[in-house]
Amino acid sequence: MIVRLPSRTGDRSRTPRPAGYVRLFDPLGGTVVRLPWMPEEIETSNVAQAWSEVPRPGRVPLLLSSGKNLPVVSLPFRLVNPGQSGHVEGTIEALEKLARSSNPVRLDVAQQFRGMYRITALSKRETMWDTTGKVTDAEITLELTRSSDMVVAVGPIKRKTKKSKKGGPRGRLKNARR
């Protein structure tokens, strides 16, 4: 279960919003992590195009676009499971498995962010443990970069032509007239 990060003015947790969720899914590996609430903050960076300055002697430098950047989404949240089991190690292990995977993951954040992303950074700060030493409270920060839509170019597929036993296609036509 996910509980909001503490509010900036006090140490109490904010109340969860009823609508929204975060889901990470590795379609090739089969790992799914579903967080039932929206994070308190979602930071998006690298949205604008990439620009580079080209120096020109004796003139004002020229600003040229070098293409689009891949957007980066940062999701900080506090991971707590009050109630049943208490510990959150299973969710942390699943997040680590997704982060170590070479496959892109499908990110669904309500209606805002949907698509294939790569987890480029995962940081965790464990703040509480139970009597057996399992983590019961952790602050997680996920950084995901939009997966590139580059497709490998493949040339046309050439088929072999069928050769007739009677001298090719014209041979078949000649035999059909007889």
C-alpha atoms as a PDB file:
ATOM      1  CA  MET A   1       0.000   0.000   0.000  1.00  0.00           C
ATOM      2  CA  ILE A   2       1.267   3.505  -0.728  1.00  0.00           C
ATOM      3  CA  VAL A   3       0.918   6.399   1.644  1.00  0.00           C
ATOM      4  CA  ARG A   4       1.775   9.947   0.622  1.00  0.00           C
ATOM      5  CA  LEU A   5       5.010  11.636   1.550  1.00  0.00           C
ATOM      6  CA  PRO A   6       4.604  13.642   4.751  1.00  0.00           C
ATOM      7  CA  SER A   7       3.356  17.163   4.218  1.00  0.00           C
ATOM      8  CA  ARG A   8       5.946  19.893   4.289  1.00  0.00           C
ATOM      9  CA  THR A   9       4.449  21.544   7.384  1.00  0.00           C
ATOM     10  CA  GLY A  10       4.202  18.529   9.660  1.00  0.00           C
ATOM     11  CA  ASP A  11       5.018  14.882  10.143  1.00  0.00           C
ATOM     12  CA  ARG A  12       1.572  13.516   9.331  1.00  0.00           C
ATOM     13  CA  SER A  13       0.817  11.729   6.073  1.00  0.00           C
ATOM     14  CA  ARG A  14      -1.495  13.339   3.555  1.00  0.00           C
ATOM     15  CA  THR A  15      -4.767  11.676   2.778  1.00  0.00           C
ATOM     16  CA  PRO A  16      -4.775   9.646  -0.432  1.00  0.00           C
ATOM     17  CA  ARG A  17      -6.774  10.802  -3.431  1.00  0.00           C
ATOM     18  CA  PRO A  18      -9.420   8.279  -4.470  1.00  0.00           C
ATOM     19  CA  ALA A  19      -8.842   8.472  -8.242  1.00  0.00           C
ATOM     20  CA  GLY A  20      -5.626   7.436  -9.915  1.00  0.00           C
ATOM     21  CA  TYR A  21      -2.935   4.837  -9.619  1.00  0.00           C
ATOM     22  CA  VAL A  22       0.548   3.984 -10.847  1.00  0.00           C
ATOM     23  CA  ARG A  23       1.265   0.714 -12.619  1.00  0.00           C
ATOM     24  CA  LEU A  24       4.594  -0.574 -13.943  1.00  0.00           C
ATOM     25  CA  PHE A  25       4.513  -3.663 -16.145  1.00  0.00           C
ATOM     26  CA  ASP A  26       7.291  -5.563 -17.901  1.00  0.00           C
ATOM     27  CA  PRO A  27       5.509  -7.284 -20.817  1.00  0.00           C
ATOM     28  CA  LEU A  28       8.477  -9.541 -21.585  1.00  0.00           C
ATOM     29  CA  GLY A  29       9.410 -10.447 -18.000  1.00  0.00           C
ATOM     30  CA  GLY A  30       5.879 -10.532 -16.597  1.00  0.00           C
ATOM     31  CA  THR A  31       6.626  -8.419 -13.495  1.00  0.00           C
ATOM     32  CA  VAL A  32       3.829  -6.067 -12.421  1.00  0.00           C
ATOM     33  CA  VAL A  33       3.920  -3.415  -9.692  1.00  0.00           C
ATOM     34  CA  ARG A  34       0.663  -1.591  -9.006  1.00  0.00           C
ATOM     35  CA  LEU A  35       0.591   1.289  -6.565  1.00  0.00           C
ATOM     36  CA  PRO A  36      -3.010   2.054  -5.548  1.00  0.00           C
ATOM     37  CA  TRP A  37      -2.596   5.839  -5.156  1.00  0.00           C
ATOM     38  CA  MET A  38      -1.191   8.661  -7.194  1.00  0.00           C
ATOM     39  CA  PRO A  39       2.131  10.052  -5.956  1.00  0.00           C
ATOM     40  CA  GLU A  40       1.992  13.486  -4.348  1.00  0.00           C
ATOM     41  CA  GLU A  41       4.423  14.890  -6.927  1.00  0.00           C
ATOM     42  CA  ILE A  42       5.280  13.940 -10.491  1.00  0.00           C
ATOM     43  CA  GLU A  43       8.168  15.801 -12.063  1.00  0.00           C
ATOM     44  CA  THR A  44       8.599  15.799 -15.837  1.00  0.00           C
ATOM     45  CA  SER A  45      11.813  17.071 -17.388  1.00  0.00           C
ATOM     46  CA  ASN A  46      13.575  17.062 -20.755  1.00  0.00           C
ATOM     47  CA  VAL A  47      10.341  17.979 -22.543  1.00  0.00           C
ATOM     48  CA  ALA A  48      11.664  20.696 -24.880  1.00  0.00           C
ATOM     49  CA  GLN A  49      13.680  20.089 -28.019  1.00  0.00           C
ATOM     50  CA  ALA A  50      17.460  19.850 -27.816  1.00  0.00           C
ATOM     51  CA  TRP A  51      19.167  23.007 -29.074  1.00  0.00           C
ATOM     52  CA  SER A  52      22.836  23.537 -29.829  1.00  0.00           C
ATOM     53  CA  GLU A  53      24.695  26.770 -30.381  1.00  0.00           C
ATOM     54  CA  VAL A  54      26.893  26.914 -33.484  1.00  0.00           C
ATOM     55  CA  PRO A  55      29.617  29.594 -33.276  1.00  0.00           C
ATOM     56  CA  ARG A  56      30.089  31.849 -36.305  1.00  0.00           C
ATOM     57  CA  PRO A  57      33.234  34.020 -36.407  1.00  0.00           C
ATOM     58  CA  GLY A  58      32.418  37.719 -36.339  1.00  0.00           C
ATOM     59  CA  ARG A  59      28.669  37.077 -36.098  1.00  0.00           C
ATOM     60  CA  VAL A  60      26.042  36.150 -33.568  1.00  0.00           C
ATOM     61  CA  PRO A  61      26.057  32.362 -32.891  1.00  0.00           C
ATOM     62  CA  LEU A  62      23.416  30.320 -34.657  1.00  0.00           C
ATOM     63  CA  LEU A  63      20.939  28.249 -32.634  1.00  0.00           C
ATOM     64  CA  LEU A  64      20.036  24.954 -34.307  1.00  0.00           C
ATOM     65  CA  SER A  65      17.696  22.192 -33.206  1.00  0.00           C
ATOM     66  CA  SER A  66      19.460  18.880 -32.827  1.00  0.00           C
ATOM     67  CA  GLY A  67      16.206  16.943 -32.409  1.00  0.00           C
ATOM     68  CA  LYS A  68      13.736  15.991 -29.750  1.00  0.00           C
ATOM     69  CA  ASN A  69      14.675  14.891 -26.242  1.00  0.00           C
ATOM     70  CA  LEU A  70      13.224  11.840 -24.556  1.00  0.00           C
ATOM     71  CA  PRO A  71      11.012  13.015 -21.655  1.00  0.00           C
ATOM     72  CA  VAL A  72      12.003  11.969 -18.133  1.00  0.00           C
ATOM     73  CA  VAL A  73       9.377  11.313 -15.429  1.00  0.00           C
ATOM     74  CA  SER A  74      10.365  11.330 -11.757  1.00  0.00           C
ATOM     75  CA  LEU A  75       8.012   9.699  -9.218  1.00  0.00           C
ATOM     76  CA  PRO A  76       8.847  10.125  -5.521  1.00  0.00           C
ATOM     77  CA  PHE A  77       6.604   8.271  -3.058  1.00  0.00           C
ATOM     78  CA  ARG A  78       6.542   6.742   0.399  1.00  0.00           C
ATOM     79  CA  LEU A  79       5.969   3.000   0.537  1.00  0.00           C
ATOM     80  CA  VAL A  80       4.085   1.824   3.638  1.00  0.00           C
ATOM     81  CA  ASN A  81       1.753  -1.125   4.119  1.00  0.00           C
ATOM     82  CA  PRO A  82      -0.297  -0.508   7.245  1.00  0.00           C
ATOM     83  CA  GLY A  83      -2.362  -3.456   8.331  1.00  0.00           C
ATOM     84  CA  GLN A  84      -1.980  -7.062   7.178  1.00  0.00           C
ATOM     85  CA  SER A  85       1.661  -7.999   6.616  1.00  0.00           C
ATOM     86  CA  GLY A  86       3.316  -4.727   7.542  1.00  0.00           C
ATOM     87  CA  HIS A  87       6.489  -5.179   5.493  1.00  0.00           C
ATOM     88  CA  VAL A  88       7.005  -3.840   1.966  1.00  0.00           C
ATOM     89  CA  GLU A  89      10.002  -5.902   0.878  1.00  0.00           C
ATOM     90  CA  GLY A  90       8.055  -7.714  -1.862  1.00  0.00           C
ATOM     91  CA  THR A  91       7.184  -4.444  -3.573  1.00  0.00           C
ATOM     92  CA  ILE A  92      10.761  -3.169  -3.209  1.00  0.00           C
ATOM     93  CA  GLU A  93      12.137  -6.409  -4.707  1.00  0.00           C
ATOM     94  CA  ALA A  94       9.697  -6.169  -7.641  1.00  0.00           C
ATOM     95  CA  LEU A  95      10.742  -2.545  -8.284  1.00  0.00           C
ATOM     96  CA  GLU A  96      14.427  -3.570  -8.164  1.00  0.00           C
ATOM     97  CA  LYS A  97      13.722  -6.417 -10.591  1.00  0.00           C
ATOM     98  CA  LEU A  98      12.075  -3.974 -13.012  1.00  0.00           C
ATOM     99  CA  ALA A  99      14.984  -1.530 -12.636  1.00  0.00           C
ATOM    100  CA  ARG A 100      17.597  -4.212 -13.373  1.00  0.00           C
ATOM    101  CA  SER A 101      15.724  -5.567 -16.383  1.00  0.00           C
ATOM    102  CA  SER A 102      16.964  -4.626 -19.834  1.00  0.00           C
ATOM    103  CA  ASN A 103      13.364  -4.560 -21.096  1.00  0.00           C
ATOM    104  CA  PRO A 104      11.337  -1.361 -21.275  1.00  0.00           C
ATOM    105  CA  VAL A 105       8.409  -1.210 -18.848  1.00  0.00           C
ATOM    106  CA  ARG A 106       4.898   0.011 -19.550  1.00  0.00           C
ATOM    107  CA  LEU A 107       4.059   2.949 -17.313  1.00  0.00           C
ATOM    108  CA  ASP A 108       0.435   3.813 -16.574  1.00  0.00           C
ATOM    109  CA  VAL A 109      -0.105   6.847 -14.357  1.00  0.00           C
ATOM    110  CA  ALA A 110      -3.873   7.341 -14.454  1.00  0.00           C
ATOM    111  CA  GLN A 111      -4.531   9.171 -17.736  1.00  0.00           C
ATOM    112  CA  GLN A 112      -1.387  11.340 -17.684  1.00  0.00           C
ATOM    113  CA  PHE A 113       1.568   9.158 -18.627  1.00  0.00           C
ATOM    114  CA  ARG A 114       1.116   6.013 -20.647  1.00  0.00           C
ATOM    115  CA  GLY A 115       3.682   4.250 -22.758  1.00  0.00           C
ATOM    116  CA  MET A 116       6.961   2.401 -22.749  1.00  0.00           C
ATOM    117  CA  TYR A 117       9.682   3.757 -20.477  1.00  0.00           C
ATOM    118  CA  ARG A 118      13.047   2.599 -19.177  1.00  0.00           C
ATOM    119  CA  ILE A 119      13.835   2.883 -15.478  1.00  0.00           C
ATOM    120  CA  THR A 120      17.013   4.970 -15.487  1.00  0.00           C
ATOM    121  CA  ALA A 121      17.264   5.500 -11.722  1.00  0.00           C
ATOM    122  CA  LEU A 122      15.780   3.899  -8.624  1.00  0.00           C
ATOM    123  CA  SER A 123      16.682   5.109  -5.166  1.00  0.00           C
ATOM    124  CA  LYS A 124      15.284   3.882  -1.887  1.00  0.00           C
ATOM    125  CA  ARG A 125      15.628   5.129   1.643  1.00  0.00           C
ATOM    126  CA  GLU A 126      14.536   2.585   4.241  1.00  0.00           C
ATOM    127  CA  THR A 127      13.275   4.330   7.362  1.00  0.00           C
ATOM    128  CA  MET A 128      11.582   1.631   9.504  1.00  0.00           C
ATOM    129  CA  TRP A 129      11.963  -2.103  10.100  1.00  0.00           C
ATOM    130  CA  ASP A 130       9.911  -4.641  12.037  1.00  0.00           C
ATOM    131  CA  THR A 131      11.273  -6.954  14.747  1.00  0.00           C
ATOM    132  CA  THR A 132      12.367  -9.546  12.161  1.00  0.00           C
ATOM    133  CA  GLY A 133      14.412  -6.966  10.236  1.00  0.00           C
ATOM    134  CA  LYS A 134      12.038  -6.562   7.280  1.00  0.00           C
ATOM    135  CA  VAL A 135      11.448  -3.077   5.854  1.00  0.00           C
ATOM    136  CA  THR A 136       8.082  -1.579   6.843  1.00  0.00           C
ATOM    137  CA  ASP A 137       8.563   1.999   5.622  1.00  0.00           C
ATOM    138  CA  ALA A 138      10.633   3.266   2.681  1.00  0.00           C
ATOM    139  CA  GLU A 139      10.889   6.375   0.539  1.00  0.00           C
ATOM    140  CA  ILE A 140      11.279   5.479  -3.130  1.00  0.00           C
ATOM    141  CA  THR A 141      12.230   7.683  -6.071  1.00  0.00           C
ATOM    142  CA  LEU A 142      11.786   6.299  -9.580  1.00  0.00           C
ATOM    143  CA  GLU A 143      13.168   8.046 -12.638  1.00  0.00           C
ATOM    144  CA  LEU A 144      11.855   6.804 -15.957  1.00  0.00           C
ATOM    145  CA  THR A 145      12.954   7.902 -19.439  1.00  0.00           C
ATOM    146  CA  ARG A 146      10.602   7.484 -22.381  1.00  0.00           C
ATOM    147  CA  SER A 147      11.733   4.544 -24.493  1.00  0.00           C
ATOM    148  CA  SER A 148      12.925   5.487 -27.960  1.00  0.00           C
ATOM    149  CA  ASP A 149      10.574   4.741 -30.836  1.00  0.00           C
ATOM    150  CA  MET A 150      13.453   3.939 -33.164  1.00  0.00           C
ATOM    151  CA  VAL A 151      12.767   0.994 -35.452  1.00  0.00           C
ATOM    152  CA  VAL A 152      15.537  -1.000 -37.068  1.00  0.00           C
ATOM    153  CA  ALA A 153      15.335  -0.623 -40.844  1.00  0.00           C
ATOM    154  CA  VAL A 154      14.849  -3.909 -42.642  1.00  0.00           C
ATOM    155  CA  GLY A 155      15.074  -4.183 -46.413  1.00  0.00           C
ATOM    156  CA  PRO A 156      12.371  -5.690 -48.595  1.00  0.00           C
ATOM    157  CA  ILE A 157      11.943  -9.437 -48.432  1.00  0.00           C
ATOM    158  CA  LYS A 158      12.668 -11.028 -51.781  1.00  0.00           C
ATOM    159  CA  ARG A 159      10.766 -14.156 -52.673  1.00  0.00           C
ATOM    160  CA  LYS A 160      12.065 -16.858 -54.934  1.00  0.00           C
ATOM    161  CA  THR A 161      10.022 -17.221 -58.100  1.00  0.00           C
ATOM    162  CA  LYS A 162       8.537 -20.632 -58.756  1.00  0.00           C
ATOM    163  CA  LYS A 163       9.890 -22.315 -61.830  1.00  0.00           C
ATOM    164  CA  SER A 164       7.568 -24.485 -63.812  1.00  0.00           C
ATOM    165  CA  LYS A 165       8.535 -28.021 -64.740  1.00  0.00           C
ATOM    166  CA  LYS A 166       7.595 -27.253 -68.329  1.00  0.00           C
ATOM    167  CA  GLY A 167       9.802 -24.265 -69.024  1.00  0.00           C
ATOM    168  CA  GLY A 168       8.524 -21.434 -66.845  1.00  0.00           C
ATOM    169  CA  PRO A 169       5.240 -19.548 -66.927  1.00  0.00           C
ATOM    170  CA  ARG A 170       5.134 -19.306 -70.726  1.00  0.00           C
ATOM    171  CA  GLY A 171       5.602 -23.037 -71.015  1.00  0.00           C
ATOM    172  CA  ARG A 172       2.515 -23.542 -68.871  1.00  0.00           C
ATOM    173  CA  LEU A 173       0.482 -21.225 -71.073  1.00  0.00           C
ATOM    174  CA  LYS A 174       1.579 -23.013 -74.242  1.00  0.00           C
ATOM    175  CA  ASN A 175       0.543 -26.342 -72.779  1.00  0.00           C
ATOM    176  CA  ALA A 176      -2.811 -24.900 -71.728  1.00  0.00           C
ATOM    177  CA  ARG A 177      -3.636 -23.905 -75.335  1.00  0.00           C
ATOM    178  CA  ARG A 178      -3.022 -27.363 -76.752  1.00  0.00           C
END
